[in-house]
Amino acid sequence: MRWTHMLAVGALSVSLAACTTSPTGRSQLTLMSDEQLDQMGAQAFAQYQQELPTVGGAPLRYVQCVTEAVVRALPERERNQNWQVKVFASEQANAFALPGGYVGINTGLLDVARNQDQLAAVIGHEIAHVLARHANERASTETATQLGLSAISSAAGMQGAGGETMMAALGMGAQYGILLPFSRSHESEADTLGLTLMAEAGFDPRESVALWNNMSQAGGASPPAWLSTHPSHGQRIAGLEAGLGKAMARYEQARRTGRTPNCPRP
């Protein structure tokens, strides 16, 4: 039992040492270095390119144009990364940004994001995940959770079939009580930061609401918010609408300073 106590104390010490703050002021647990995350991002981007064909020409130029405009609104460290952009041939309306400066957009998303401002809402949201180090926090939280469950199992002597059943129950409890709420928190934070990014880049933030109305129409029924890694469409739209006042002020300021992106949609 003594080693379990020492393990718990050690895990707490590591957690305290790795506490950081997100761009919105939320406390985070980040156990991985930026270099580790950048390497993982590069590997994931390379793997994605092996699994799906890429698209060039007008769609790629369009996505690059919007991405470059959003990147110009980033803090210096992230702005100066060598951002790579790929468009993938897939009907799924999906997009991602990865640590290290990688952006991927599926062609299916270009059917849902109907203008440059709506596409900027998606790209701003995905880059916001990188800016807020959500991948680091997610991996760190899962690591800490698994360590905690292992310690509980050993301390309680939960071995054999009965113990495995109990561990499965604990795992589900951790999933719905710890891990998934963090993911919803990440999504809401990325919405807030992404709205700011697109506005500061000179894209109309009101189009973010129109985008999620499009998503709602295209996506059909959603799972209940508590059982999903993403907020419901209604929650997401309400959150975006709540931030429009400040975002519009940033948008108008950006336009006055000459940030007027013009990315022709193919």
Protein backbone atom coordinates (compact mmCIF):
# COMPACT_ATOMS: atom_id res chain seq x y z
CA MET A 1 0.00 0.00 0.00
CA ARG A 2 2.91 2.33 0.73
CA TRP A 3 4.10 2.25 -2.89
CA THR A 4 0.61 3.19 -4.03
CA HIS A 5 0.70 6.22 -1.77
CA MET A 6 4.11 7.18 -3.15
CA LEU A 7 2.84 6.72 -6.73
CA ALA A 8 -0.10 9.00 -6.04
CA VAL A 9 2.16 11.64 -4.47
CA GLY A 10 4.53 11.42 -7.42
CA ALA A 11 1.70 11.76 -9.93
CA LEU A 12 0.39 14.79 -8.05
CA SER A 13 3.85 16.37 -8.06
CA VAL A 14 4.17 15.88 -11.82
CA SER A 15 0.68 17.26 -12.39
CA LEU A 16 1.38 20.38 -10.35
CA ALA A 17 4.65 20.95 -12.19
CA ALA A 18 2.91 20.60 -15.56
CA CYS A 19 0.01 22.98 -14.89
CA THR A 20 -0.27 25.75 -17.48
CA THR A 21 -2.92 28.25 -18.52
CA SER A 22 -4.85 28.30 -21.81
CA PRO A 23 -5.31 31.52 -23.86
CA THR A 24 -8.71 31.99 -22.18
CA GLY A 25 -7.24 31.63 -18.67
CA ARG A 26 -8.33 28.04 -18.03
CA SER A 27 -5.96 25.78 -16.07
CA GLN A 28 -4.42 22.93 -18.11
CA LEU A 29 -2.38 19.81 -17.48
CA THR A 30 0.35 19.62 -20.15
CA LEU A 31 2.93 16.87 -19.70
CA MET A 32 4.39 16.88 -23.22
CA SER A 33 6.86 19.28 -24.81
CA ASP A 34 6.09 21.36 -27.90
CA GLU A 35 8.76 19.38 -29.76
CA GLN A 36 7.01 16.09 -28.96
CA LEU A 37 3.66 17.47 -30.11
CA ASP A 38 5.16 18.88 -33.32
CA GLN A 39 6.68 15.48 -34.12
CA MET A 40 3.36 13.74 -33.49
CA GLY A 41 1.64 16.28 -35.72
CA ALA A 42 4.08 15.62 -38.56
CA GLN A 43 3.60 11.86 -38.25
CA ALA A 44 -0.19 12.16 -38.20
CA PHE A 45 -0.18 14.47 -41.22
CA ALA A 46 2.01 12.06 -43.17
CA GLN A 47 -0.25 9.14 -42.28
CA TYR A 48 -3.38 11.02 -43.34
CA GLN A 49 -1.79 11.68 -46.72
CA GLN A 50 -1.15 7.95 -47.14
CA GLU A 51 -4.78 7.11 -46.42
CA LEU A 52 -6.55 9.68 -48.59
CA PRO A 53 -5.75 11.17 -52.00
CA THR A 54 -5.03 14.88 -52.11
CA VAL A 55 -6.56 17.50 -54.39
CA GLY A 56 -4.69 20.36 -56.04
CA GLY A 57 -5.73 23.19 -58.32
CA ALA A 58 -8.43 25.69 -57.43
CA PRO A 59 -9.68 23.96 -54.24
CA LEU A 60 -6.16 23.89 -52.80
CA ARG A 61 -5.48 27.52 -53.72
CA TYR A 62 -8.76 28.53 -52.09
CA VAL A 63 -8.01 26.74 -48.83
CA GLN A 64 -4.42 28.04 -48.81
CA CYS A 65 -5.66 31.61 -49.30
CA VAL A 66 -8.05 31.42 -46.34
CA THR A 67 -5.51 29.62 -44.15
CA GLU A 68 -2.79 32.17 -44.87
CA ALA A 69 -5.12 35.01 -43.92
CA VAL A 70 -6.00 33.33 -40.61
CA VAL A 71 -2.35 32.52 -39.88
CA ARG A 72 -1.43 36.19 -40.24
CA ALA A 73 -3.64 36.88 -37.22
CA LEU A 74 -1.79 34.37 -35.00
CA PRO A 75 0.77 35.20 -32.29
CA GLU A 76 4.34 35.44 -33.58
CA ARG A 77 5.51 31.92 -32.67
CA GLU A 78 2.61 30.20 -34.41
CA ARG A 79 2.53 32.73 -37.25
CA ASN A 80 6.15 32.02 -38.15
CA GLN A 81 5.69 28.27 -38.46
CA ASN A 82 5.88 26.80 -41.94
CA TRP A 83 2.16 25.99 -42.25
CA GLN A 84 1.38 23.21 -44.69
CA VAL A 85 -2.08 22.89 -46.22
CA LYS A 86 -3.64 19.90 -47.95
CA VAL A 87 -7.10 19.27 -49.40
CA PHE A 88 -8.22 15.64 -49.23
CA ALA A 89 -10.68 13.91 -51.54
CA SER A 90 -13.35 12.77 -49.10
CA GLU A 91 -17.08 13.37 -48.89
CA GLN A 92 -16.91 13.66 -45.09
CA ALA A 93 -17.27 17.27 -43.95
CA ASN A 94 -14.12 17.20 -41.88
CA ALA A 95 -11.13 19.42 -41.15
CA PHE A 96 -8.18 19.44 -38.78
CA ALA A 97 -5.10 21.37 -37.73
CA LEU A 98 -2.13 19.70 -36.06
CA PRO A 99 0.75 20.85 -33.86
CA GLY A 100 3.74 21.78 -35.98
CA GLY A 101 1.70 23.76 -38.51
CA TYR A 102 -0.49 21.40 -40.54
CA VAL A 103 -4.00 22.01 -41.89
CA GLY A 104 -6.19 19.48 -43.69
CA ILE A 105 -9.58 20.09 -45.28
CA ASN A 106 -11.80 17.46 -46.86
CA THR A 107 -13.57 18.33 -50.10
CA GLY A 108 -16.87 17.44 -48.41
CA LEU A 109 -16.45 20.40 -46.06
CA LEU A 110 -16.23 22.78 -49.01
CA ASP A 111 -19.84 21.88 -49.81
CA VAL A 112 -20.95 22.84 -46.29
CA ALA A 113 -18.79 25.96 -45.87
CA ARG A 114 -20.40 28.01 -48.61
CA ASN A 115 -18.09 31.04 -48.69
CA GLN A 116 -14.64 32.15 -47.55
CA ASP A 117 -15.93 33.44 -44.21
CA GLN A 118 -17.53 30.11 -43.31
CA LEU A 119 -14.36 28.27 -44.30
CA ALA A 120 -12.37 30.71 -42.15
CA ALA A 121 -14.65 29.83 -39.22
CA VAL A 122 -13.67 26.18 -39.59
CA ILE A 123 -9.96 26.85 -40.07
CA GLY A 124 -9.89 29.36 -37.22
CA HIS A 125 -11.56 26.81 -34.95
CA GLU A 126 -9.11 24.04 -35.87
CA ILE A 127 -6.03 26.25 -35.51
CA ALA A 128 -7.41 27.43 -32.16
CA HIS A 129 -7.10 23.83 -30.92
CA VAL A 130 -3.38 24.03 -31.71
CA LEU A 131 -2.99 27.51 -30.24
CA ALA A 132 -4.59 26.36 -26.98
CA ARG A 133 -2.46 23.17 -26.85
CA HIS A 134 -5.53 20.96 -26.63
CA ALA A 135 -3.72 17.91 -28.06
CA ASN A 136 -1.16 18.16 -25.27
CA GLU A 137 -3.86 18.56 -22.64
CA ARG A 138 -5.92 15.69 -24.00
CA ALA A 139 -2.97 13.28 -24.07
CA SER A 140 -1.84 14.42 -20.61
CA THR A 141 -5.32 14.02 -19.13
CA GLU A 142 -5.69 10.50 -20.54
CA THR A 143 -2.25 9.55 -19.21
CA ALA A 144 -3.09 10.87 -15.73
CA THR A 145 -6.48 9.15 -15.78
CA GLN A 146 -4.99 5.76 -16.71
CA LEU A 147 -2.36 6.16 -13.98
CA GLY A 148 -5.09 6.96 -11.46
CA LEU A 149 -7.24 3.97 -12.44
CA SER A 150 -4.24 1.63 -12.24
CA ALA A 151 -3.49 2.87 -8.73
CA ILE A 152 -7.13 2.40 -7.68
CA SER A 153 -7.12 -1.14 -9.05
CA SER A 154 -3.97 -2.10 -7.16
CA ALA A 155 -5.02 -0.43 -3.91
CA ALA A 156 -8.42 -2.14 -3.91
CA GLY A 157 -7.04 -5.52 -4.97
CA MET A 158 -9.36 -5.67 -7.98
CA GLN A 159 -7.82 -8.59 -9.84
CA GLY A 160 -9.53 -11.36 -11.83
CA ALA A 161 -12.89 -11.30 -13.65
CA GLY A 162 -14.74 -9.38 -10.96
CA GLY A 163 -11.99 -6.77 -10.79
CA GLU A 164 -11.95 -6.40 -14.55
CA THR A 165 -15.69 -5.73 -14.50
CA MET A 166 -15.20 -3.09 -11.84
CA MET A 167 -12.37 -1.51 -13.81
CA ALA A 168 -14.59 -1.39 -16.89
CA ALA A 169 -17.22 0.44 -14.86
CA LEU A 170 -14.60 2.83 -13.52
CA GLY A 171 -13.29 3.37 -17.03
CA MET A 172 -16.74 4.31 -18.26
CA GLY A 173 -17.14 6.62 -15.30
CA ALA A 174 -13.87 8.27 -16.15
CA GLN A 175 -14.89 8.56 -19.78
CA TYR A 176 -18.18 10.30 -19.15
CA GLY A 177 -17.15 12.17 -16.01
CA ILE A 178 -13.63 13.30 -16.81
CA LEU A 179 -12.45 12.84 -20.37
CA LEU A 180 -15.47 13.80 -22.44
CA PRO A 181 -16.24 17.01 -20.52
CA PHE A 182 -12.67 18.09 -21.20
CA SER A 183 -13.27 17.52 -24.90
CA ARG A 184 -16.44 19.61 -24.82
CA SER A 185 -14.47 22.26 -22.98
CA HIS A 186 -11.87 22.17 -25.73
CA GLU A 187 -14.50 22.54 -28.43
CA SER A 188 -16.17 25.50 -26.72
CA GLU A 189 -12.79 27.15 -26.13
CA ALA A 190 -11.80 26.60 -29.76
CA ASP A 191 -15.09 28.18 -30.84
CA THR A 192 -14.31 31.27 -28.75
CA LEU A 193 -10.71 31.57 -29.92
CA GLY A 194 -11.57 30.69 -33.51
CA LEU A 195 -14.21 33.41 -33.63
CA THR A 196 -11.57 35.93 -32.55
CA LEU A 197 -9.03 34.63 -35.06
CA MET A 198 -11.35 34.81 -38.04
CA ALA A 199 -12.50 38.29 -37.07
CA GLU A 200 -8.94 39.59 -36.61
CA ALA A 201 -8.08 38.09 -40.00
CA GLY A 202 -10.84 40.15 -41.63
CA PHE A 203 -13.50 37.46 -42.05
CA ASP A 204 -17.10 38.14 -41.05
CA PRO A 205 -17.69 36.34 -37.72
CA ARG A 206 -21.45 36.27 -38.29
CA GLU A 207 -20.84 33.59 -40.89
CA SER A 208 -19.72 31.21 -38.12
CA VAL A 209 -23.35 30.94 -37.02
CA ALA A 210 -24.47 30.38 -40.62
CA LEU A 211 -21.85 27.64 -40.94
CA TRP A 212 -23.17 25.72 -37.94
CA ASN A 213 -26.71 26.07 -39.22
CA ASN A 214 -25.42 24.43 -42.42
CA MET A 215 -23.72 21.74 -40.34
CA SER A 216 -26.92 21.10 -38.43
CA GLN A 217 -28.90 20.66 -41.65
CA ALA A 218 -26.26 18.38 -43.17
CA GLY A 219 -25.51 16.31 -40.08
CA GLY A 220 -28.97 15.19 -39.01
CA ALA A 221 -29.61 14.10 -35.43
CA SER A 222 -26.84 14.60 -32.86
CA PRO A 223 -26.21 12.61 -29.67
CA PRO A 224 -27.11 14.29 -26.37
CA ALA A 225 -24.50 16.91 -25.41
CA TRP A 226 -23.44 15.02 -22.27
CA LEU A 227 -22.64 11.91 -24.33
CA SER A 228 -20.61 13.64 -27.01
CA THR A 229 -17.13 15.06 -27.35
CA HIS A 230 -18.67 18.09 -29.07
CA PRO A 231 -21.34 20.49 -27.80
CA SER A 232 -24.73 20.10 -29.46
CA HIS A 233 -25.36 22.32 -32.49
CA GLY A 234 -27.74 24.45 -30.41
CA GLN A 235 -25.16 24.95 -27.66
CA ARG A 236 -22.48 25.78 -30.19
CA ILE A 237 -24.60 28.35 -32.02
CA ALA A 238 -25.68 29.96 -28.75
CA GLY A 239 -22.04 30.26 -27.66
CA LEU A 240 -21.01 31.82 -30.95
CA GLU A 241 -23.88 34.29 -30.87
CA ALA A 242 -22.88 35.32 -27.36
CA GLY A 243 -19.41 36.24 -28.61
CA LEU A 244 -20.46 38.11 -31.74
CA GLY A 245 -20.44 41.56 -30.15
CA LYS A 246 -16.72 41.54 -29.35
CA ALA A 247 -15.91 39.64 -32.53
CA MET A 248 -17.66 42.21 -34.72
CA ALA A 249 -15.61 45.00 -33.13
CA ARG A 250 -12.42 43.09 -33.95
CA TYR A 251 -13.66 42.41 -37.48
CA GLU A 252 -14.41 46.07 -38.14
CA GLN A 253 -11.00 47.07 -36.77
CA ALA A 254 -9.29 44.50 -38.99
CA ARG A 255 -11.09 45.79 -42.07
CA ARG A 256 -10.07 49.37 -41.23
CA THR A 257 -6.43 48.31 -41.05
CA GLY A 258 -6.55 46.71 -44.49
CA ARG A 259 -7.24 43.08 -43.65
CA THR A 260 -9.73 42.37 -46.42
CA PRO A 261 -9.14 38.81 -47.62
CA ASN A 262 -10.47 37.90 -51.05
CA CYS A 263 -10.27 34.16 -51.67
CA PRO A 264 -12.26 33.07 -54.75
CA ARG A 265 -14.33 29.98 -54.05
CA PRO A 266 -13.90 27.30 -56.76
